[in-house]
C-alpha atoms as a PDB file:
ATOM      1  CA  MET A   1     112.108  85.927  91.970  1.00  0.00           C
ATOM      2  CA  ALA A   2     110.865  83.119  94.167  1.00  0.00           C
ATOM      3  CA  GLY A   3     108.266  83.365  96.940  1.00  0.00           C
ATOM      4  CA  THR A   4     106.894  81.139  99.589  1.00  0.00           C
ATOM      5  CA  ILE A   5     104.199  81.688 102.230  1.00  0.00           C
ATOM      6  CA  CYS A   6     105.567  82.338 105.699  1.00  0.00           C
ATOM      7  CA  VAL A   7     102.376  83.005 107.618  1.00  0.00           C
ATOM      8  CA  LEU A   8      98.816  82.504 106.442  1.00  0.00           C
ATOM      9  CA  GLY A   9      95.794  83.351 108.588  1.00  0.00           C
ATOM     10  CA  ALA A  10      92.123  83.999 108.056  1.00  0.00           C
ATOM     11  CA  TYR A  11      92.576  87.621 107.037  1.00  0.00           C
ATOM     12  CA  GLN A  12      96.213  88.106 106.073  1.00  0.00           C
ATOM     13  CA  GLY A  13      99.431  86.427 105.287  1.00  0.00           C
ATOM     14  CA  THR A  14     103.088  87.112 104.616  1.00  0.00           C
ATOM     15  CA  VAL A  15     105.395  85.865 101.877  1.00  0.00           C
ATOM     16  CA  TYR A  16     109.172  85.334 101.935  1.00  0.00           C
ATOM     17  CA  TYR A  17     110.428  86.744  98.597  1.00  0.00           C
ATOM     18  CA  ALA A  18     113.940  86.097  97.289  1.00  0.00           C
ATOM     19  CA  VAL A  19     115.486  87.556  94.113  1.00  0.00           C
ATOM     20  CA  MET A  20     117.570  84.836  92.531  1.00  0.00           C
ATOM     21  CA  ASN A  21     120.337  84.938  89.906  1.00  0.00           C
ATOM     22  CA  ASN A  22     119.667  83.630  86.380  1.00  0.00           C
ATOM     23  CA  LYS A  23     120.862  80.131  87.258  1.00  0.00           C
ATOM     24  CA  LEU A  24     118.569  80.088  90.330  1.00  0.00           C
ATOM     25  CA  ASN A  25     121.463  78.931  92.514  1.00  0.00           C
ATOM     26  CA  LYS A  26     122.213  82.143  94.389  1.00  0.00           C
ATOM     27  CA  VAL A  27     119.979  84.482  96.406  1.00  0.00           C
ATOM     28  CA  GLU A  28     120.662  88.139  95.486  1.00  0.00           C
ATOM     29  CA  GLN A  29     118.127  89.877  97.753  1.00  0.00           C
ATOM     30  CA  VAL A  30     115.605  88.851 100.395  1.00  0.00           C
ATOM     31  CA  TRP A  31     112.396  90.495 101.582  1.00  0.00           C
ATOM     32  CA  ASP A  32     111.155  88.516 104.556  1.00  0.00           C
ATOM     33  CA  SER A  33     107.733  88.832 106.154  1.00  0.00           C
ATOM     34  CA  GLU A  34     107.078  92.411 105.056  1.00  0.00           C
ATOM     35  CA  TYR A  35     105.177  91.853 101.820  1.00  0.00           C
ATOM     36  CA  ASN A  36     102.197  89.762 100.778  1.00  0.00           C
ATOM     37  CA  TYR A  37     101.728  90.508  97.045  1.00  0.00           C
ATOM     38  CA  ALA A  38     104.024  90.712  94.057  1.00  0.00           C
ATOM     39  CA  GLY A  39     102.681  92.240  90.857  1.00  0.00           C
ATOM     40  CA  TYR A  40     102.953  94.636  87.970  1.00  0.00           C
ATOM     41  CA  ASP A  41     101.590  98.195  88.120  1.00  0.00           C
ATOM     42  CA  LYS A  42     100.174  99.084  84.675  1.00  0.00           C
ATOM     43  CA  LYS A  43     100.082 102.794  85.475  1.00  0.00           C
ATOM     44  CA  THR A  44     103.781 103.106  86.362  1.00  0.00           C
ATOM     45  CA  HIS A  45     104.955 100.015  84.409  1.00  0.00           C
ATOM     46  CA  ALA A  46     106.832  98.861  87.515  1.00  0.00           C
ATOM     47  CA  LEU A  47     107.301  95.507  89.168  1.00  0.00           C
ATOM     48  CA  MET A  48     106.117  95.881  92.758  1.00  0.00           C
ATOM     49  CA  LEU A  49     106.002  94.167  96.087  1.00  0.00           C
ATOM     50  CA  THR A  50     103.252  95.432  98.427  1.00  0.00           C
ATOM     51  CA  GLY A  51     102.328  94.525 101.945  1.00  0.00           C
ATOM     52  CA  THR A  52      99.344  95.431 104.071  1.00  0.00           C
ATOM     53  CA  PHE A  53      98.810  94.259 107.610  1.00  0.00           C
ATOM     54  CA  LYS A  54      95.681  94.532 109.746  1.00  0.00           C
ATOM     55  CA  ALA A  55      96.507  95.144 113.421  1.00  0.00           C
ATOM     56  CA  ARG A  56      93.255  93.735 114.768  1.00  0.00           C
ATOM     57  CA  GLY A  57      90.159  91.887 113.561  1.00  0.00           C
ATOM     58  CA  ILE A  58      87.791  94.809 112.932  1.00  0.00           C
ATOM     59  CA  GLY A  59      90.318  96.314 110.515  1.00  0.00           C
ATOM     60  CA  ASP A  60      90.456  99.821 111.986  1.00  0.00           C
ATOM     61  CA  CYS A  61      94.262 100.053 112.086  1.00  0.00           C
ATOM     62  CA  TRP A  62      96.644  99.072 109.301  1.00  0.00           C
ATOM     63  CA  ALA A  63     100.228  99.332 108.203  1.00  0.00           C
ATOM     64  CA  GLY A  64     101.575  98.959 104.745  1.00  0.00           C
ATOM     65  CA  GLN A  65     104.639  99.207 102.545  1.00  0.00           C
ATOM     66  CA  GLU A  66     105.697  99.047  98.918  1.00  0.00           C
ATOM     67  CA  ALA A  67     108.967  98.218  97.058  1.00  0.00           C
ATOM     68  CA  VAL A  68     109.690  98.636  93.346  1.00  0.00           C
ATOM     69  CA  TRP A  69     112.154  96.853  91.084  1.00  0.00           C
ATOM     70  CA  ASN A  70     114.797  99.267  89.732  1.00  0.00           C
ATOM     71  CA  GLY A  71     116.359  96.820  87.279  1.00  0.00           C
ATOM     72  CA  GLU A  72     118.799  95.389  89.788  1.00  0.00           C
ATOM     73  CA  ARG A  73     116.917  95.092  93.096  1.00  0.00           C
ATOM     74  CA  PHE A  74     113.787  96.001  94.907  1.00  0.00           C
ATOM     75  CA  ILE A  75     113.924  99.363  96.706  1.00  0.00           C
ATOM     76  CA  ARG A  76     111.508 100.673  99.344  1.00  0.00           C
ATOM     77  CA  THR A  77     109.202 103.317  97.898  1.00  0.00           C
ATOM     78  CA  LYS A  78     106.407 103.680 100.513  1.00  0.00           C
ATOM     79  CA  GLU A  79     105.558 102.925 104.117  1.00  0.00           C
ATOM     80  CA  TYR A  80     102.504 104.043 106.083  1.00  0.00           C
ATOM     81  CA  THR A  81     100.269 103.449 109.045  1.00  0.00           C
ATOM     82  CA  THR A  82      96.677 104.376 109.859  1.00  0.00           C
ATOM     83  CA  GLY A  83      97.703 105.306 113.383  1.00  0.00           C
ATOM     84  CA  SER A  84      95.754 104.415 116.476  1.00  0.00           C
ATOM     85  CA  CYS A  85      92.852 101.924 116.329  1.00  0.00           C
ATOM     86  CA  LYS A  86      89.814 104.219 116.518  1.00  0.00           C
ATOM     87  CA  GLY A  87      86.950 102.032 115.297  1.00  0.00           C
ATOM     88  CA  PHE A  88      86.852 103.296 111.641  1.00  0.00           C
ATOM     89  CA  ALA A  89      86.883 100.362 109.214  1.00  0.00           C
ATOM     90  CA  GLY A  90      89.996 100.618 107.039  1.00  0.00           C
ATOM     91  CA  GLY A  91      91.519 103.165 109.396  1.00  0.00           C
ATOM     92  CA  ALA A  92      90.657 106.867 109.469  1.00  0.00           C
ATOM     93  CA  TRP A  93      93.587 107.911 107.169  1.00  0.00           C
ATOM     94  CA  GLN A  94      97.019 106.944 105.879  1.00  0.00           C
ATOM     95  CA  LEU A  95      99.835 108.533 107.772  1.00  0.00           C
ATOM     96  CA  PRO A  96     103.061 108.420 105.677  1.00  0.00           C
ATOM     97  CA  ILE A  97     106.230 107.127 107.232  1.00  0.00           C
ATOM     98  CA  PHE A  98     108.218 107.028 104.001  1.00  0.00           C
ATOM     99  CA  VAL A  99     107.191 108.309 100.560  1.00  0.00           C
ATOM    100  CA  SER A 100     109.029 108.485  97.201  1.00  0.00           C
ATOM    101  CA  ASN A 101     108.180 109.110  93.545  1.00  0.00           C
ATOM    102  CA  ILE A 102     108.650 106.350  91.006  1.00  0.00           C
ATOM    103  CA  LYS A 103     110.145 107.396  87.662  1.00  0.00           C
ATOM    104  CA  VAL A 104     110.296 104.724  84.962  1.00  0.00           C
ATOM    105  CA  LYS A 105     112.691 105.349  82.026  1.00  0.00           C
END
Protein backbone atom coordinates (compact mmCIF):
# COMPACT_ATOMS: atom_id res chain seq x y z
CA MET A 1 0.00 0.00 0.00
CA ALA A 2 1.15 3.51 -0.78
CA GLY A 3 -0.21 6.73 0.66
CA THR A 4 0.23 10.42 0.06
CA ILE A 5 -1.29 13.44 1.78
CA CYS A 6 -4.12 15.07 -0.19
CA VAL A 7 -5.19 17.80 2.22
CA LEU A 8 -3.45 18.90 5.40
CA GLY A 9 -4.86 21.58 7.66
CA ALA A 10 -4.40 22.73 11.23
CA TYR A 11 -6.75 20.12 12.72
CA GLN A 12 -7.20 17.39 10.12
CA GLY A 13 -5.96 15.96 6.87
CA THR A 14 -6.77 13.33 4.29
CA VAL A 15 -4.57 10.73 2.65
CA TYR A 16 -4.87 9.15 -0.79
CA TYR A 17 -4.23 5.41 -0.28
CA ALA A 18 -3.57 2.97 -3.12
CA VAL A 19 -3.14 -0.78 -2.85
CA MET A 20 -0.40 -1.79 -5.28
CA ASN A 21 0.56 -5.16 -6.77
CA ASN A 22 3.79 -6.89 -5.66
CA LYS A 23 5.83 -5.23 -8.42
CA LEU A 24 4.46 -1.79 -7.45
CA ASN A 25 3.56 -1.08 -11.08
CA LYS A 26 -0.23 -1.47 -10.93
CA VAL A 27 -2.86 0.07 -8.67
CA GLU A 28 -5.30 -2.59 -7.45
CA GLN A 29 -7.55 -0.43 -5.24
CA VAL A 30 -7.86 3.25 -4.33
CA TRP A 31 -9.30 4.99 -1.26
CA ASP A 32 -9.29 8.70 -1.96
CA SER A 33 -9.87 11.45 0.58
CA GLU A 34 -11.92 9.34 3.00
CA TYR A 35 -9.22 8.13 5.37
CA ASN A 36 -6.43 9.74 7.34
CA TYR A 37 -4.76 6.86 9.19
CA ALA A 38 -3.55 3.37 8.27
CA GLY A 39 -2.63 1.00 11.05
CA TYR A 40 -2.87 -2.38 12.74
CA ASP A 41 -5.51 -3.17 15.37
CA LYS A 42 -3.92 -5.43 18.00
CA LYS A 43 -7.31 -6.43 19.40
CA THR A 44 -8.73 -7.75 16.12
CA HIS A 45 -5.36 -8.45 14.41
CA ALA A 46 -6.58 -6.51 11.38
CA LEU A 47 -5.01 -3.98 9.03
CA MET A 48 -7.25 -0.93 9.07
CA LEU A 49 -7.85 2.40 7.42
CA THR A 50 -9.69 4.94 9.56
CA GLY A 51 -10.89 8.43 8.90
CA THR A 52 -12.37 11.09 11.16
CA PHE A 53 -13.41 14.52 10.02
CA LYS A 54 -14.33 17.50 12.13
CA ALA A 55 -17.12 19.57 10.56
CA ARG A 56 -16.23 22.81 12.34
CA GLY A 57 -13.50 24.27 14.53
CA ILE A 58 -14.99 23.67 17.97
CA GLY A 59 -15.23 19.94 17.22
CA ASP A 60 -18.87 19.42 18.14
CA CYS A 61 -19.81 17.52 14.98
CA TRP A 62 -17.83 14.71 13.40
CA ALA A 63 -18.04 12.00 10.76
CA GLY A 64 -15.91 8.89 10.52
CA GLN A 65 -15.37 5.63 8.72
CA GLU A 66 -13.27 2.49 8.84
CA ALA A 67 -12.13 -0.14 6.33
CA VAL A 68 -10.39 -3.46 7.04
CA TRP A 69 -8.08 -5.57 4.87
CA ASN A 70 -9.66 -8.95 4.05
CA GLY A 71 -6.55 -10.46 2.46
CA GLU A 72 -7.35 -9.15 -1.01
CA ARG A 73 -8.71 -5.64 -0.59
CA PHE A 74 -9.95 -3.13 1.97
CA ILE A 75 -13.68 -3.37 2.70
CA ARG A 76 -15.84 -0.79 4.47
CA THR A 77 -16.68 -1.89 8.00
CA LYS A 78 -17.98 1.23 9.76
CA GLU A 79 -19.37 4.67 9.04
CA TYR A 80 -20.86 7.15 11.52
CA THR A 81 -21.76 10.75 12.22
CA THR A 82 -22.35 12.69 15.43
CA GLY A 83 -25.32 14.41 13.85
CA SER A 84 -26.09 18.09 14.18
CA CYS A 85 -23.54 20.52 15.62
CA LYS A 86 -24.93 21.15 19.13
CA GLY A 87 -21.96 22.61 21.03
CA PHE A 88 -20.78 19.39 22.75
CA ALA A 89 -17.04 18.84 22.30
CA GLY A 90 -16.52 15.59 20.40
CA GLY A 91 -20.19 15.46 19.46
CA ALA A 92 -23.00 14.27 21.70
CA TRP A 93 -22.99 10.65 20.39
CA GLN A 94 -22.06 8.43 17.46
CA LEU A 95 -24.96 7.72 15.13
CA PRO A 96 -24.20 4.64 13.01
CA ILE A 97 -24.66 4.82 9.25
CA PHE A 98 -23.02 1.45 8.53
CA VAL A 99 -21.82 -1.18 11.03
CA SER A 100 -20.30 -4.65 10.58
CA ASN A 101 -18.50 -7.26 12.67
CA ILE A 102 -14.88 -8.14 11.93
CA LYS A 103 -14.01 -11.84 12.08
CA VAL A 104 -10.35 -12.75 11.67
CA LYS A 105 -9.52 -16.37 10.82
